[in-house]
Structure formats: structure tokens, C-alpha cells
Amino acid sequence: QVQLVESGGGLVQPGGSLRLSCAASLFRFGRYAMSWHRQAPGKERELIAYITSTGDSTNYADSVKGRFTISRDNAKNTVYLQMNSLKPEDTARYYCKADYIVTYWGQGTQVTVSS
């Protein structure tokens, strides 16, 4: 069974940091491009960070550029999202996605930035 499981979400104060993890049970995880998306209430799900299958290239949405960093450890079948300088507008449910021949989504983890 294929499964993506996000973890690391929670409540954090503005200016704080959080590190999300996505553990993937995928055959040949190293062939999948991975990405993080988020969805706030009443808004469309948006792509915020992307990393190639080998980890040689990344890109980010303007809203998180300079604050968030996506990385992957293919030996651990895990992708990460380091989030720094968090703002209330970062509050959303964060989802992990894997792309190769078929696309897989995780169920998400909630991030709430509030004082």
C-alpha cells in the first residue's frame, strides 16, 4: 500500500519555526518529484515548494521564498519543509505530494500561526 504521511504540524507563534516531514512508502522514492502544498479555509490549494527527484533543483512560491526550504533524503524516503519566520497568513493545512507515473497525496498536517 502506497502512503504519504505528514507530521510536524502544530501551533506556533508568529516569527517561530516549524519543520514538517513527509514519510513516503513508495517503490523507488528517488524517481518521484516531491512537493508541498497548502490550503487555507476558503482558498484554493496552492503549490508552495517543489523539489526534483534527485534533489538537484527546487522552486518556491513567492509568498514563502526566503523563509521556507524544501529538502529530501532519498535514503530515508522522506521530504522535509523547514519553515522559518512564520506569519499568521501561513496558517493552513499542509500537504505532501509525490509525482512520477502516478500522483499521490498525503492527508495533510495542520499548521496554525497565532499569538
C-alpha atoms as a PDB file:
ATOM      1  CA  GLN A   1       0.000   0.000   0.000  1.00  0.00           C
ATOM      2  CA  VAL A   2       1.238   3.445  -1.021  1.00  0.00           C
ATOM      3  CA  GLN A   3       1.133   6.024   1.726  1.00  0.00           C
ATOM      4  CA  LEU A   4       2.405   9.537   2.360  1.00  0.00           C
ATOM      5  CA  VAL A   5       2.287  10.612   5.991  1.00  0.00           C
ATOM      6  CA  GLU A   6       2.901  14.205   7.028  1.00  0.00           C
ATOM      7  CA  SER A   7       3.968  15.165  10.518  1.00  0.00           C
ATOM      8  CA  GLY A   8       5.343  18.128  12.428  1.00  0.00           C
ATOM      9  CA  GLY A   9       2.404  20.497  12.240  1.00  0.00           C
ATOM     10  CA  GLY A  10       1.027  22.351  15.204  1.00  0.00           C
ATOM     11  CA  LEU A  11       0.520  25.722  16.827  1.00  0.00           C
ATOM     12  CA  VAL A  12       3.362  28.226  16.668  1.00  0.00           C
ATOM     13  CA  GLN A  13       3.699  31.933  17.406  1.00  0.00           C
ATOM     14  CA  PRO A  14       4.426  34.488  14.677  1.00  0.00           C
ATOM     15  CA  GLY A  15       8.135  34.575  13.942  1.00  0.00           C
ATOM     16  CA  GLY A  16       8.559  30.997  15.034  1.00  0.00           C
ATOM     17  CA  SER A  17       9.776  27.959  13.132  1.00  0.00           C
ATOM     18  CA  LEU A  18       8.422  24.540  12.318  1.00  0.00           C
ATOM     19  CA  ARG A  19       9.765  21.566  10.397  1.00  0.00           C
ATOM     20  CA  LEU A  20       7.352  19.348   8.530  1.00  0.00           C
ATOM     21  CA  SER A  21       8.180  15.822   7.433  1.00  0.00           C
ATOM     22  CA  CYS A  22       6.581  13.576   4.845  1.00  0.00           C
ATOM     23  CA  ALA A  23       7.378   9.884   5.072  1.00  0.00           C
ATOM     24  CA  ALA A  24       6.650   8.035   1.832  1.00  0.00           C
ATOM     25  CA  SER A  25       6.083   4.335   1.317  1.00  0.00           C
ATOM     26  CA  LEU A  26       6.928   4.340  -2.387  1.00  0.00           C
ATOM     27  CA  PHE A  27       8.837   1.903  -4.532  1.00  0.00           C
ATOM     28  CA  ARG A  28      11.823   3.832  -5.837  1.00  0.00           C
ATOM     29  CA  PHE A  29      11.087   7.030  -3.969  1.00  0.00           C
ATOM     30  CA  GLY A  30      14.079   8.544  -5.752  1.00  0.00           C
ATOM     31  CA  ARG A  31      12.158   8.642  -9.036  1.00  0.00           C
ATOM     32  CA  TYR A  32       9.405  10.881  -7.672  1.00  0.00           C
ATOM     33  CA  ALA A  33       9.382  14.632  -7.724  1.00  0.00           C
ATOM     34  CA  MET A  34       8.059  15.858  -4.393  1.00  0.00           C
ATOM     35  CA  SER A  35       6.227  18.998  -3.433  1.00  0.00           C
ATOM     36  CA  TRP A  36       4.444  20.749  -0.607  1.00  0.00           C
ATOM     37  CA  HIS A  37       1.072  22.414  -0.991  1.00  0.00           C
ATOM     38  CA  ARG A  38      -1.161  24.237   1.427  1.00  0.00           C
ATOM     39  CA  GLN A  39      -4.806  25.122   1.674  1.00  0.00           C
ATOM     40  CA  ALA A  40      -6.330  27.730   3.930  1.00  0.00           C
ATOM     41  CA  PRO A  41     -10.079  27.918   4.615  1.00  0.00           C
ATOM     42  CA  GLY A  42     -11.943  29.372   1.655  1.00  0.00           C
ATOM     43  CA  LYS A  43      -8.892  29.302  -0.600  1.00  0.00           C
ATOM     44  CA  GLU A  44      -7.590  27.070  -3.353  1.00  0.00           C
ATOM     45  CA  ARG A  45      -4.815  24.633  -2.654  1.00  0.00           C
ATOM     46  CA  GLU A  46      -1.534  26.202  -3.713  1.00  0.00           C
ATOM     47  CA  LEU A  47       1.888  24.856  -4.561  1.00  0.00           C
ATOM     48  CA  ILE A  48       4.469  26.363  -2.239  1.00  0.00           C
ATOM     49  CA  ALA A  49       7.612  24.275  -2.708  1.00  0.00           C
ATOM     50  CA  TYR A  50       8.918  21.743  -5.226  1.00  0.00           C
ATOM     51  CA  ILE A  51      11.963  19.516  -5.426  1.00  0.00           C
ATOM     52  CA  THR A  52      13.132  17.286  -8.260  1.00  0.00           C
ATOM     53  CA  SER A  53      13.540  13.549  -7.878  1.00  0.00           C
ATOM     54  CA  THR A  54      17.274  13.831  -7.290  1.00  0.00           C
ATOM     55  CA  GLY A  55      17.055  16.957  -5.167  1.00  0.00           C
ATOM     56  CA  ASP A  56      19.201  18.914  -7.610  1.00  0.00           C
ATOM     57  CA  SER A  57      16.655  21.685  -8.107  1.00  0.00           C
ATOM     58  CA  THR A  58      13.962  23.419  -6.071  1.00  0.00           C
ATOM     59  CA  ASN A  59      11.481  26.219  -6.521  1.00  0.00           C
ATOM     60  CA  TYR A  60       9.124  28.152  -4.277  1.00  0.00           C
ATOM     61  CA  ALA A  61       6.064  30.298  -4.326  1.00  0.00           C
ATOM     62  CA  ASP A  62       6.846  33.981  -3.875  1.00  0.00           C
ATOM     63  CA  SER A  63       4.892  34.015  -0.634  1.00  0.00           C
ATOM     64  CA  VAL A  64       7.349  31.650   1.072  1.00  0.00           C
ATOM     65  CA  LYS A  65      10.578  32.328  -0.804  1.00  0.00           C
ATOM     66  CA  GLY A  66      13.437  33.064   1.564  1.00  0.00           C
ATOM     67  CA  ARG A  67      11.563  31.662   4.553  1.00  0.00           C
ATOM     68  CA  PHE A  68      10.815  28.040   3.636  1.00  0.00           C
ATOM     69  CA  THR A  69      13.223  25.349   2.484  1.00  0.00           C
ATOM     70  CA  ILE A  70      12.297  22.030   0.918  1.00  0.00           C
ATOM     71  CA  SER A  71      14.722  19.124   1.083  1.00  0.00           C
ATOM     72  CA  ARG A  72      14.710  15.361   0.717  1.00  0.00           C
ATOM     73  CA  ASP A  73      16.570  12.337   1.974  1.00  0.00           C
ATOM     74  CA  ASN A  74      16.125   9.560  -0.557  1.00  0.00           C
ATOM     75  CA  ALA A  75      17.783   7.040   1.744  1.00  0.00           C
ATOM     76  CA  LYS A  76      15.017   7.700   4.282  1.00  0.00           C
ATOM     77  CA  ASN A  77      12.181   8.106   1.759  1.00  0.00           C
ATOM     78  CA  THR A  78      11.386  11.428   3.371  1.00  0.00           C
ATOM     79  CA  VAL A  79      10.856  15.003   2.234  1.00  0.00           C
ATOM     80  CA  TYR A  80      11.023  17.983   4.588  1.00  0.00           C
ATOM     81  CA  LEU A  81       9.780  21.524   4.739  1.00  0.00           C
ATOM     82  CA  GLN A  82      11.664  23.851   7.056  1.00  0.00           C
ATOM     83  CA  MET A  83       9.502  26.879   7.816  1.00  0.00           C
ATOM     84  CA  ASN A  84      11.037  29.958   9.414  1.00  0.00           C
ATOM     85  CA  SER A  85       9.744  33.431  10.238  1.00  0.00           C
ATOM     86  CA  LEU A  86       6.200  32.141  10.240  1.00  0.00           C
ATOM     87  CA  LYS A  87       3.341  34.562   9.734  1.00  0.00           C
ATOM     88  CA  PRO A  88      -0.363  34.262  10.563  1.00  0.00           C
ATOM     89  CA  GLU A  89      -1.064  34.058   6.828  1.00  0.00           C
ATOM     90  CA  ASP A  90       0.910  30.807   6.729  1.00  0.00           C
ATOM     91  CA  THR A  91      -1.906  29.173   8.668  1.00  0.00           C
ATOM     92  CA  ALA A  92      -3.197  26.312   6.515  1.00  0.00           C
ATOM     93  CA  ARG A  93      -3.267  22.586   6.129  1.00  0.00           C
ATOM     94  CA  TYR A  94      -0.037  21.433   4.508  1.00  0.00           C
ATOM     95  CA  TYR A  95       0.022  18.512   2.082  1.00  0.00           C
ATOM     96  CA  CYS A  96       2.797  16.411   0.637  1.00  0.00           C
ATOM     97  CA  LYS A  97       2.609  15.216  -2.996  1.00  0.00           C
ATOM     98  CA  ALA A  98       4.615  12.668  -4.952  1.00  0.00           C
ATOM     99  CA  ASP A  99       4.760  12.709  -8.763  1.00  0.00           C
ATOM    100  CA  TYR A 100       6.102  10.145 -11.206  1.00  0.00           C
ATOM    101  CA  ILE A 101       3.848   7.954 -13.325  1.00  0.00           C
ATOM    102  CA  VAL A 102       1.051   8.335 -10.786  1.00  0.00           C
ATOM    103  CA  THR A 103       0.400  11.157  -8.336  1.00  0.00           C
ATOM    104  CA  TYR A 104      -0.057  10.529  -4.620  1.00  0.00           C
ATOM    105  CA  TRP A 105      -1.201  12.887  -1.885  1.00  0.00           C
ATOM    106  CA  GLY A 106      -0.839  12.773   1.858  1.00  0.00           C
ATOM    107  CA  GLN A 107      -3.712  13.607   4.177  1.00  0.00           C
ATOM    108  CA  GLY A 108      -2.077  16.778   5.421  1.00  0.00           C
ATOM    109  CA  THR A 109      -0.954  18.302   8.685  1.00  0.00           C
ATOM    110  CA  GLN A 110      -2.347  21.477  10.204  1.00  0.00           C
ATOM    111  CA  VAL A 111      -0.126  24.493  10.801  1.00  0.00           C
ATOM    112  CA  THR A 112      -1.561  27.350  12.835  1.00  0.00           C
ATOM    113  CA  VAL A 113       0.414  30.554  13.379  1.00  0.00           C
ATOM    114  CA  SER A 114      -1.143  32.631  16.117  1.00  0.00           C
ATOM    115  CA  SER A 115      -0.266  34.566  19.237  1.00  0.00           C
END
